[in-house]
Amino acid sequence: MNYRKLIKGVIYGQKDNNLTAFALLAGLAAGAAIAVLLAPRSGRESRLLLAKTFNPSKEQGHHQELKDQLLDDLRETNREHADQLQGPENKRKDTTKIRVPSAGTTAWKKQAVKE
């Protein structure tokens, strides 16, 4: 087998790949430069147009109404779930009457351990 031809083929093959990658990058750079030079609008106008296209909620009040309605629905659902977690109303404890023995100390921990 002729290794010299094999090695030359590998070396030249890599050079072709490098040349292809360089040509691709050069073409992208040239295309970007031409696009900037021949753009129909200024940069500020283009950014405003893109902002209006991708963020229409600034111009439409409908989205704000929908957002408010969804938030109200979410709050109501959370209230219902909280009521379900507390159990039936006749078995709920009155949180205003709960006593914490010796608040600020660890006496209540010692009492809980004894029980």
N, C-alpha and C. Protein backbone atom coordinates (compact mmCIF):
# COMPACT_ATOMS: atom_id res chain seq x y z
N MET A 1 0.84 -1.17 0.00
CA MET A 1 0.00 0.00 0.00
C MET A 1 0.89 1.24 0.00
N ASN A 2 0.44 2.25 -0.73
CA ASN A 2 1.22 3.48 -0.86
C ASN A 2 0.75 4.49 0.19
N TYR A 3 1.52 4.59 1.28
CA TYR A 3 1.15 5.47 2.38
C TYR A 3 1.33 6.94 2.02
N ARG A 4 2.25 7.18 1.11
CA ARG A 4 2.50 8.56 0.72
C ARG A 4 1.25 9.17 0.08
N LYS A 5 0.57 8.44 -0.78
CA LYS A 5 -0.66 8.92 -1.41
C LYS A 5 -1.76 9.09 -0.37
N LEU A 6 -1.84 8.17 0.55
CA LEU A 6 -2.85 8.22 1.60
C LEU A 6 -2.67 9.46 2.47
N ILE A 7 -1.42 9.72 2.85
CA ILE A 7 -1.13 10.88 3.69
C ILE A 7 -1.42 12.18 2.92
N LYS A 8 -1.02 12.25 1.67
CA LYS A 8 -1.30 13.43 0.86
C LYS A 8 -2.79 13.65 0.71
N GLY A 9 -3.54 12.57 0.54
CA GLY A 9 -4.99 12.69 0.42
C GLY A 9 -5.63 13.24 1.69
N VAL A 10 -5.12 12.80 2.83
CA VAL A 10 -5.65 13.29 4.11
C VAL A 10 -5.29 14.76 4.29
N ILE A 11 -4.07 15.13 3.99
CA ILE A 11 -3.62 16.52 4.16
C ILE A 11 -4.39 17.44 3.22
N TYR A 12 -4.48 17.06 1.96
CA TYR A 12 -5.19 17.91 1.01
C TYR A 12 -6.68 17.95 1.30
N GLY A 13 -7.23 16.87 1.81
CA GLY A 13 -8.65 16.84 2.17
C GLY A 13 -8.94 17.82 3.30
N GLN A 14 -8.05 17.92 4.28
CA GLN A 14 -8.24 18.86 5.37
C GLN A 14 -8.12 20.30 4.90
N LYS A 15 -7.23 20.54 3.98
CA LYS A 15 -7.10 21.89 3.45
C LYS A 15 -8.37 22.30 2.73
N ASP A 16 -8.99 21.39 2.03
CA ASP A 16 -10.24 21.70 1.33
C ASP A 16 -11.34 22.04 2.33
N ASN A 17 -11.39 21.32 3.45
CA ASN A 17 -12.39 21.61 4.46
C ASN A 17 -12.15 22.97 5.09
N ASN A 18 -10.89 23.29 5.34
CA ASN A 18 -10.55 24.60 5.91
C ASN A 18 -10.92 25.71 4.94
N LEU A 19 -10.65 25.48 3.66
CA LEU A 19 -10.98 26.48 2.65
C LEU A 19 -12.49 26.67 2.57
N THR A 20 -13.24 25.60 2.68
CA THR A 20 -14.70 25.69 2.63
C THR A 20 -15.23 26.48 3.83
N ALA A 21 -14.70 26.22 5.01
CA ALA A 21 -15.14 26.93 6.22
C ALA A 21 -14.79 28.42 6.10
N PHE A 22 -13.60 28.72 5.59
CA PHE A 22 -13.21 30.12 5.40
C PHE A 22 -14.12 30.82 4.40
N ALA A 23 -14.44 30.15 3.31
CA ALA A 23 -15.32 30.73 2.29
C ALA A 23 -16.72 30.98 2.87
N LEU A 24 -17.19 30.07 3.70
CA LEU A 24 -18.50 30.24 4.32
C LEU A 24 -18.52 31.46 5.23
N LEU A 25 -17.51 31.61 6.07
CA LEU A 25 -17.44 32.76 6.97
C LEU A 25 -17.28 34.08 6.20
N ALA A 26 -16.48 34.07 5.15
CA ALA A 26 -16.30 35.27 4.34
C ALA A 26 -17.62 35.66 3.66
N GLY A 27 -18.36 34.68 3.19
CA GLY A 27 -19.65 34.95 2.57
C GLY A 27 -20.66 35.51 3.56
N LEU A 28 -20.67 34.97 4.78
CA LEU A 28 -21.57 35.50 5.81
C LEU A 28 -21.22 36.94 6.15
N ALA A 29 -19.94 37.24 6.28
CA ALA A 29 -19.51 38.60 6.60
C ALA A 29 -19.89 39.57 5.47
N ALA A 30 -19.66 39.16 4.24
CA ALA A 30 -20.00 40.01 3.10
C ALA A 30 -21.51 40.24 3.02
N GLY A 31 -22.28 39.22 3.27
CA GLY A 31 -23.74 39.36 3.24
C GLY A 31 -24.25 40.28 4.34
N ALA A 32 -23.67 40.19 5.52
CA ALA A 32 -24.06 41.07 6.62
C ALA A 32 -23.73 42.52 6.29
N ALA A 33 -22.56 42.74 5.71
CA ALA A 33 -22.15 44.11 5.36
C ALA A 33 -23.07 44.70 4.30
N ILE A 34 -23.41 43.92 3.30
CA ILE A 34 -24.32 44.40 2.24
C ILE A 34 -25.70 44.68 2.82
N ALA A 35 -26.18 43.82 3.72
CA ALA A 35 -27.50 44.01 4.33
C ALA A 35 -27.54 45.30 5.14
N VAL A 36 -26.48 45.61 5.86
CA VAL A 36 -26.44 46.84 6.66
C VAL A 36 -26.41 48.07 5.75
N LEU A 37 -25.64 48.00 4.68
CA LEU A 37 -25.51 49.15 3.79
C LEU A 37 -26.78 49.42 2.99
N LEU A 38 -27.51 48.39 2.64
CA LEU A 38 -28.68 48.55 1.77
C LEU A 38 -30.01 48.40 2.51
N ALA A 39 -30.02 48.52 3.82
CA ALA A 39 -31.24 48.37 4.60
C ALA A 39 -32.22 49.50 4.25
N PRO A 40 -33.53 49.20 4.10
CA PRO A 40 -34.50 50.23 3.71
C PRO A 40 -34.85 51.20 4.85
N ARG A 41 -34.57 50.84 6.10
CA ARG A 41 -34.90 51.69 7.24
C ARG A 41 -33.65 51.91 8.08
N SER A 42 -33.74 52.92 8.93
CA SER A 42 -32.63 53.15 9.86
C SER A 42 -32.70 52.11 10.97
N GLY A 43 -31.66 52.03 11.76
CA GLY A 43 -31.61 51.05 12.84
C GLY A 43 -32.71 51.28 13.87
N ARG A 44 -32.95 52.54 14.22
CA ARG A 44 -33.98 52.87 15.21
C ARG A 44 -35.36 52.45 14.70
N GLU A 45 -35.66 52.75 13.44
CA GLU A 45 -36.95 52.37 12.87
C GLU A 45 -37.13 50.86 12.83
N SER A 46 -36.07 50.15 12.47
CA SER A 46 -36.13 48.69 12.42
C SER A 46 -36.38 48.10 13.81
N ARG A 47 -35.71 48.63 14.82
CA ARG A 47 -35.91 48.13 16.19
C ARG A 47 -37.34 48.39 16.66
N LEU A 48 -37.88 49.59 16.36
CA LEU A 48 -39.26 49.89 16.76
C LEU A 48 -40.25 48.97 16.06
N LEU A 49 -40.01 48.70 14.79
CA LEU A 49 -40.89 47.80 14.05
C LEU A 49 -40.85 46.39 14.64
N LEU A 50 -39.65 45.92 14.96
CA LEU A 50 -39.53 44.60 15.59
C LEU A 50 -40.20 44.56 16.96
N ALA A 51 -40.05 45.63 17.73
CA ALA A 51 -40.67 45.68 19.06
C ALA A 51 -42.19 45.64 18.95
N LYS A 52 -42.74 46.36 18.00
CA LYS A 52 -44.20 46.34 17.81
C LYS A 52 -44.68 44.98 17.32
N THR A 53 -43.88 44.34 16.48
CA THR A 53 -44.27 43.05 15.93
C THR A 53 -44.27 41.97 16.99
N PHE A 54 -43.24 41.93 17.82
CA PHE A 54 -43.11 40.85 18.79
C PHE A 54 -43.69 41.18 20.15
N ASN A 55 -44.12 42.41 20.41
CA ASN A 55 -44.70 42.78 21.70
C ASN A 55 -45.93 43.66 21.45
N PRO A 56 -47.01 43.07 20.94
CA PRO A 56 -48.19 43.88 20.61
C PRO A 56 -49.00 44.30 21.83
N SER A 57 -48.67 43.82 23.04
CA SER A 57 -49.47 44.13 24.22
C SER A 57 -49.41 45.61 24.58
N LYS A 58 -48.38 46.33 24.13
CA LYS A 58 -48.29 47.76 24.43
C LYS A 58 -49.40 48.53 23.71
N GLU A 59 -49.80 48.07 22.55
CA GLU A 59 -50.80 48.78 21.77
C GLU A 59 -52.21 48.27 22.02
N GLN A 60 -52.36 47.09 22.55
CA GLN A 60 -53.68 46.50 22.71
C GLN A 60 -54.01 46.36 24.18
N GLY A 61 -55.11 46.95 24.62
CA GLY A 61 -55.55 46.84 26.00
C GLY A 61 -56.17 45.49 26.31
N HIS A 62 -56.51 44.74 25.27
CA HIS A 62 -57.16 43.43 25.45
C HIS A 62 -56.26 42.49 26.24
N HIS A 63 -54.97 42.55 25.99
CA HIS A 63 -54.05 41.66 26.68
C HIS A 63 -54.01 41.95 28.18
N GLN A 64 -54.10 43.22 28.55
CA GLN A 64 -54.10 43.58 29.97
C GLN A 64 -55.36 43.07 30.65
N GLU A 65 -56.51 43.17 29.96
CA GLU A 65 -57.76 42.66 30.52
C GLU A 65 -57.68 41.15 30.71
N LEU A 66 -57.14 40.47 29.73
CA LEU A 66 -57.00 39.02 29.82
C LEU A 66 -56.06 38.64 30.96
N LYS A 67 -54.97 39.38 31.11
CA LYS A 67 -54.02 39.13 32.20
C LYS A 67 -54.70 39.32 33.55
N ASP A 68 -55.46 40.41 33.71
CA ASP A 68 -56.16 40.65 34.98
C ASP A 68 -57.16 39.55 35.27
N GLN A 69 -57.88 39.10 34.26
CA GLN A 69 -58.86 38.03 34.45
C GLN A 69 -58.17 36.73 34.87
N LEU A 70 -57.06 36.41 34.23
CA LEU A 70 -56.34 35.19 34.59
C LEU A 70 -55.79 35.26 36.02
N LEU A 71 -55.30 36.43 36.43
CA LEU A 71 -54.82 36.59 37.81
C LEU A 71 -55.95 36.43 38.82
N ASP A 72 -57.12 36.99 38.50
CA ASP A 72 -58.27 36.83 39.41
C ASP A 72 -58.68 35.37 39.52
N ASP A 73 -58.69 34.66 38.39
CA ASP A 73 -59.03 33.24 38.42
C ASP A 73 -58.01 32.45 39.24
N LEU A 74 -56.74 32.79 39.10
CA LEU A 74 -55.69 32.11 39.86
C LEU A 74 -55.84 32.36 41.35
N ARG A 75 -56.13 33.59 41.73
CA ARG A 75 -56.33 33.91 43.15
C ARG A 75 -57.51 33.14 43.72
N GLU A 76 -58.61 33.09 42.98
CA GLU A 76 -59.81 32.38 43.45
C GLU A 76 -59.53 30.89 43.61
N THR A 77 -58.80 30.32 42.67
CA THR A 77 -58.45 28.90 42.75
C THR A 77 -57.56 28.64 43.96
N ASN A 78 -56.61 29.52 44.22
CA ASN A 78 -55.75 29.36 45.39
C ASN A 78 -56.53 29.46 46.69
N ARG A 79 -57.50 30.37 46.74
CA ARG A 79 -58.34 30.49 47.95
C ARG A 79 -59.15 29.21 48.17
N GLU A 80 -59.68 28.65 47.09
CA GLU A 80 -60.45 27.41 47.22
C GLU A 80 -59.57 26.27 47.72
N HIS A 81 -58.36 26.16 47.19
CA HIS A 81 -57.46 25.10 47.64
C HIS A 81 -57.05 25.30 49.09
N ALA A 82 -56.83 26.54 49.49
CA ALA A 82 -56.47 26.81 50.89
C ALA A 82 -57.62 26.42 51.81
N ASP A 83 -58.85 26.71 51.43
CA ASP A 83 -60.01 26.31 52.24
C ASP A 83 -60.11 24.79 52.35
N GLN A 84 -59.82 24.10 51.25
CA GLN A 84 -59.87 22.63 51.28
C GLN A 84 -58.79 22.07 52.19
N LEU A 85 -57.62 22.68 52.21
CA LEU A 85 -56.53 22.20 53.06
C LEU A 85 -56.82 22.42 54.54
N GLN A 86 -57.59 23.43 54.87
CA GLN A 86 -57.91 23.71 56.27
C GLN A 86 -58.96 22.74 56.82
N GLY A 87 -59.65 22.08 55.96
CA GLY A 87 -60.66 21.13 56.41
C GLY A 87 -62.01 21.79 56.57
N PRO A 88 -62.99 21.03 57.10
CA PRO A 88 -64.33 21.59 57.28
C PRO A 88 -64.32 22.75 58.28
N GLU A 89 -65.23 23.69 58.09
CA GLU A 89 -65.25 24.90 58.93
C GLU A 89 -65.51 24.58 60.39
N ASN A 90 -66.31 23.57 60.68
CA ASN A 90 -66.64 23.28 62.08
C ASN A 90 -65.46 22.65 62.83
N LYS A 91 -64.44 22.14 62.13
CA LYS A 91 -63.29 21.54 62.79
C LYS A 91 -62.04 22.42 62.77
N ARG A 92 -62.13 23.60 62.20
CA ARG A 92 -60.99 24.50 62.11
C ARG A 92 -60.73 25.16 63.46
N LYS A 93 -59.46 25.40 63.74
CA LYS A 93 -59.09 26.10 64.96
C LYS A 93 -59.11 27.60 64.70
N ASP A 94 -59.49 28.33 65.72
CA ASP A 94 -59.47 29.78 65.63
C ASP A 94 -58.04 30.24 65.87
N THR A 95 -57.42 30.79 64.85
CA THR A 95 -56.01 31.16 64.96
C THR A 95 -55.79 32.32 65.91
N THR A 96 -56.82 33.08 66.23
CA THR A 96 -56.65 34.19 67.17
C THR A 96 -56.57 33.70 68.61
N LYS A 97 -56.98 32.46 68.87
CA LYS A 97 -56.98 31.94 70.23
C LYS A 97 -55.86 30.95 70.51
N ILE A 98 -54.97 30.76 69.57
CA ILE A 98 -53.86 29.83 69.76
C ILE A 98 -52.85 30.49 70.70
N ARG A 99 -52.41 29.75 71.73
CA ARG A 99 -51.47 30.30 72.69
C ARG A 99 -50.09 29.70 72.45
N VAL A 100 -49.11 30.54 72.55
CA VAL A 100 -47.73 30.08 72.44
C VAL A 100 -47.12 30.29 73.82
N PRO A 101 -46.84 29.21 74.54
CA PRO A 101 -46.29 29.37 75.89
C PRO A 101 -44.89 29.97 75.85
N SER A 102 -44.71 30.94 76.68
CA SER A 102 -43.43 31.62 76.86
C SER A 102 -42.75 31.95 75.52
N ALA A 103 -43.41 32.77 74.77
CA ALA A 103 -42.88 33.17 73.47
C ALA A 103 -41.51 33.81 73.63
N GLY A 104 -40.59 33.44 72.81
CA GLY A 104 -39.26 34.00 72.85
C GLY A 104 -38.28 33.15 73.63
N THR A 105 -38.74 32.10 74.27
CA THR A 105 -37.84 31.21 74.99
C THR A 105 -38.01 29.81 74.44
N THR A 106 -37.24 28.90 74.98
CA THR A 106 -37.33 27.51 74.53
C THR A 106 -38.10 26.65 75.51
N ALA A 107 -38.85 27.27 76.41
CA ALA A 107 -39.61 26.50 77.40
C ALA A 107 -40.65 25.62 76.72
N TRP A 108 -41.24 26.08 75.66
CA TRP A 108 -42.26 25.29 74.99
C TRP A 108 -41.66 24.03 74.37
N LYS A 109 -40.38 24.09 73.95
CA LYS A 109 -39.74 22.89 73.40
C LYS A 109 -39.56 21.83 74.48
N LYS A 110 -39.16 22.28 75.69
CA LYS A 110 -38.98 21.34 76.79
C LYS A 110 -40.31 20.71 77.18
N GLN A 111 -41.36 21.50 77.10
CA GLN A 111 -42.68 20.98 77.45
C GLN A 111 -43.13 19.95 76.41
N ALA A 112 -42.85 20.17 75.15
CA ALA A 112 -43.24 19.24 74.10
C ALA A 112 -42.48 17.94 74.21
N VAL A 113 -41.24 17.97 74.66
CA VAL A 113 -40.42 16.78 74.79
C VAL A 113 -40.94 15.91 75.94
N LYS A 114 -41.41 16.54 77.05
CA LYS A 114 -41.91 15.80 78.20
C LYS A 114 -43.21 15.06 77.87
N GLU A 115 -44.00 15.65 77.02
CA GLU A 115 -45.29 15.03 76.67
C GLU A 115 -45.07 13.89 75.76
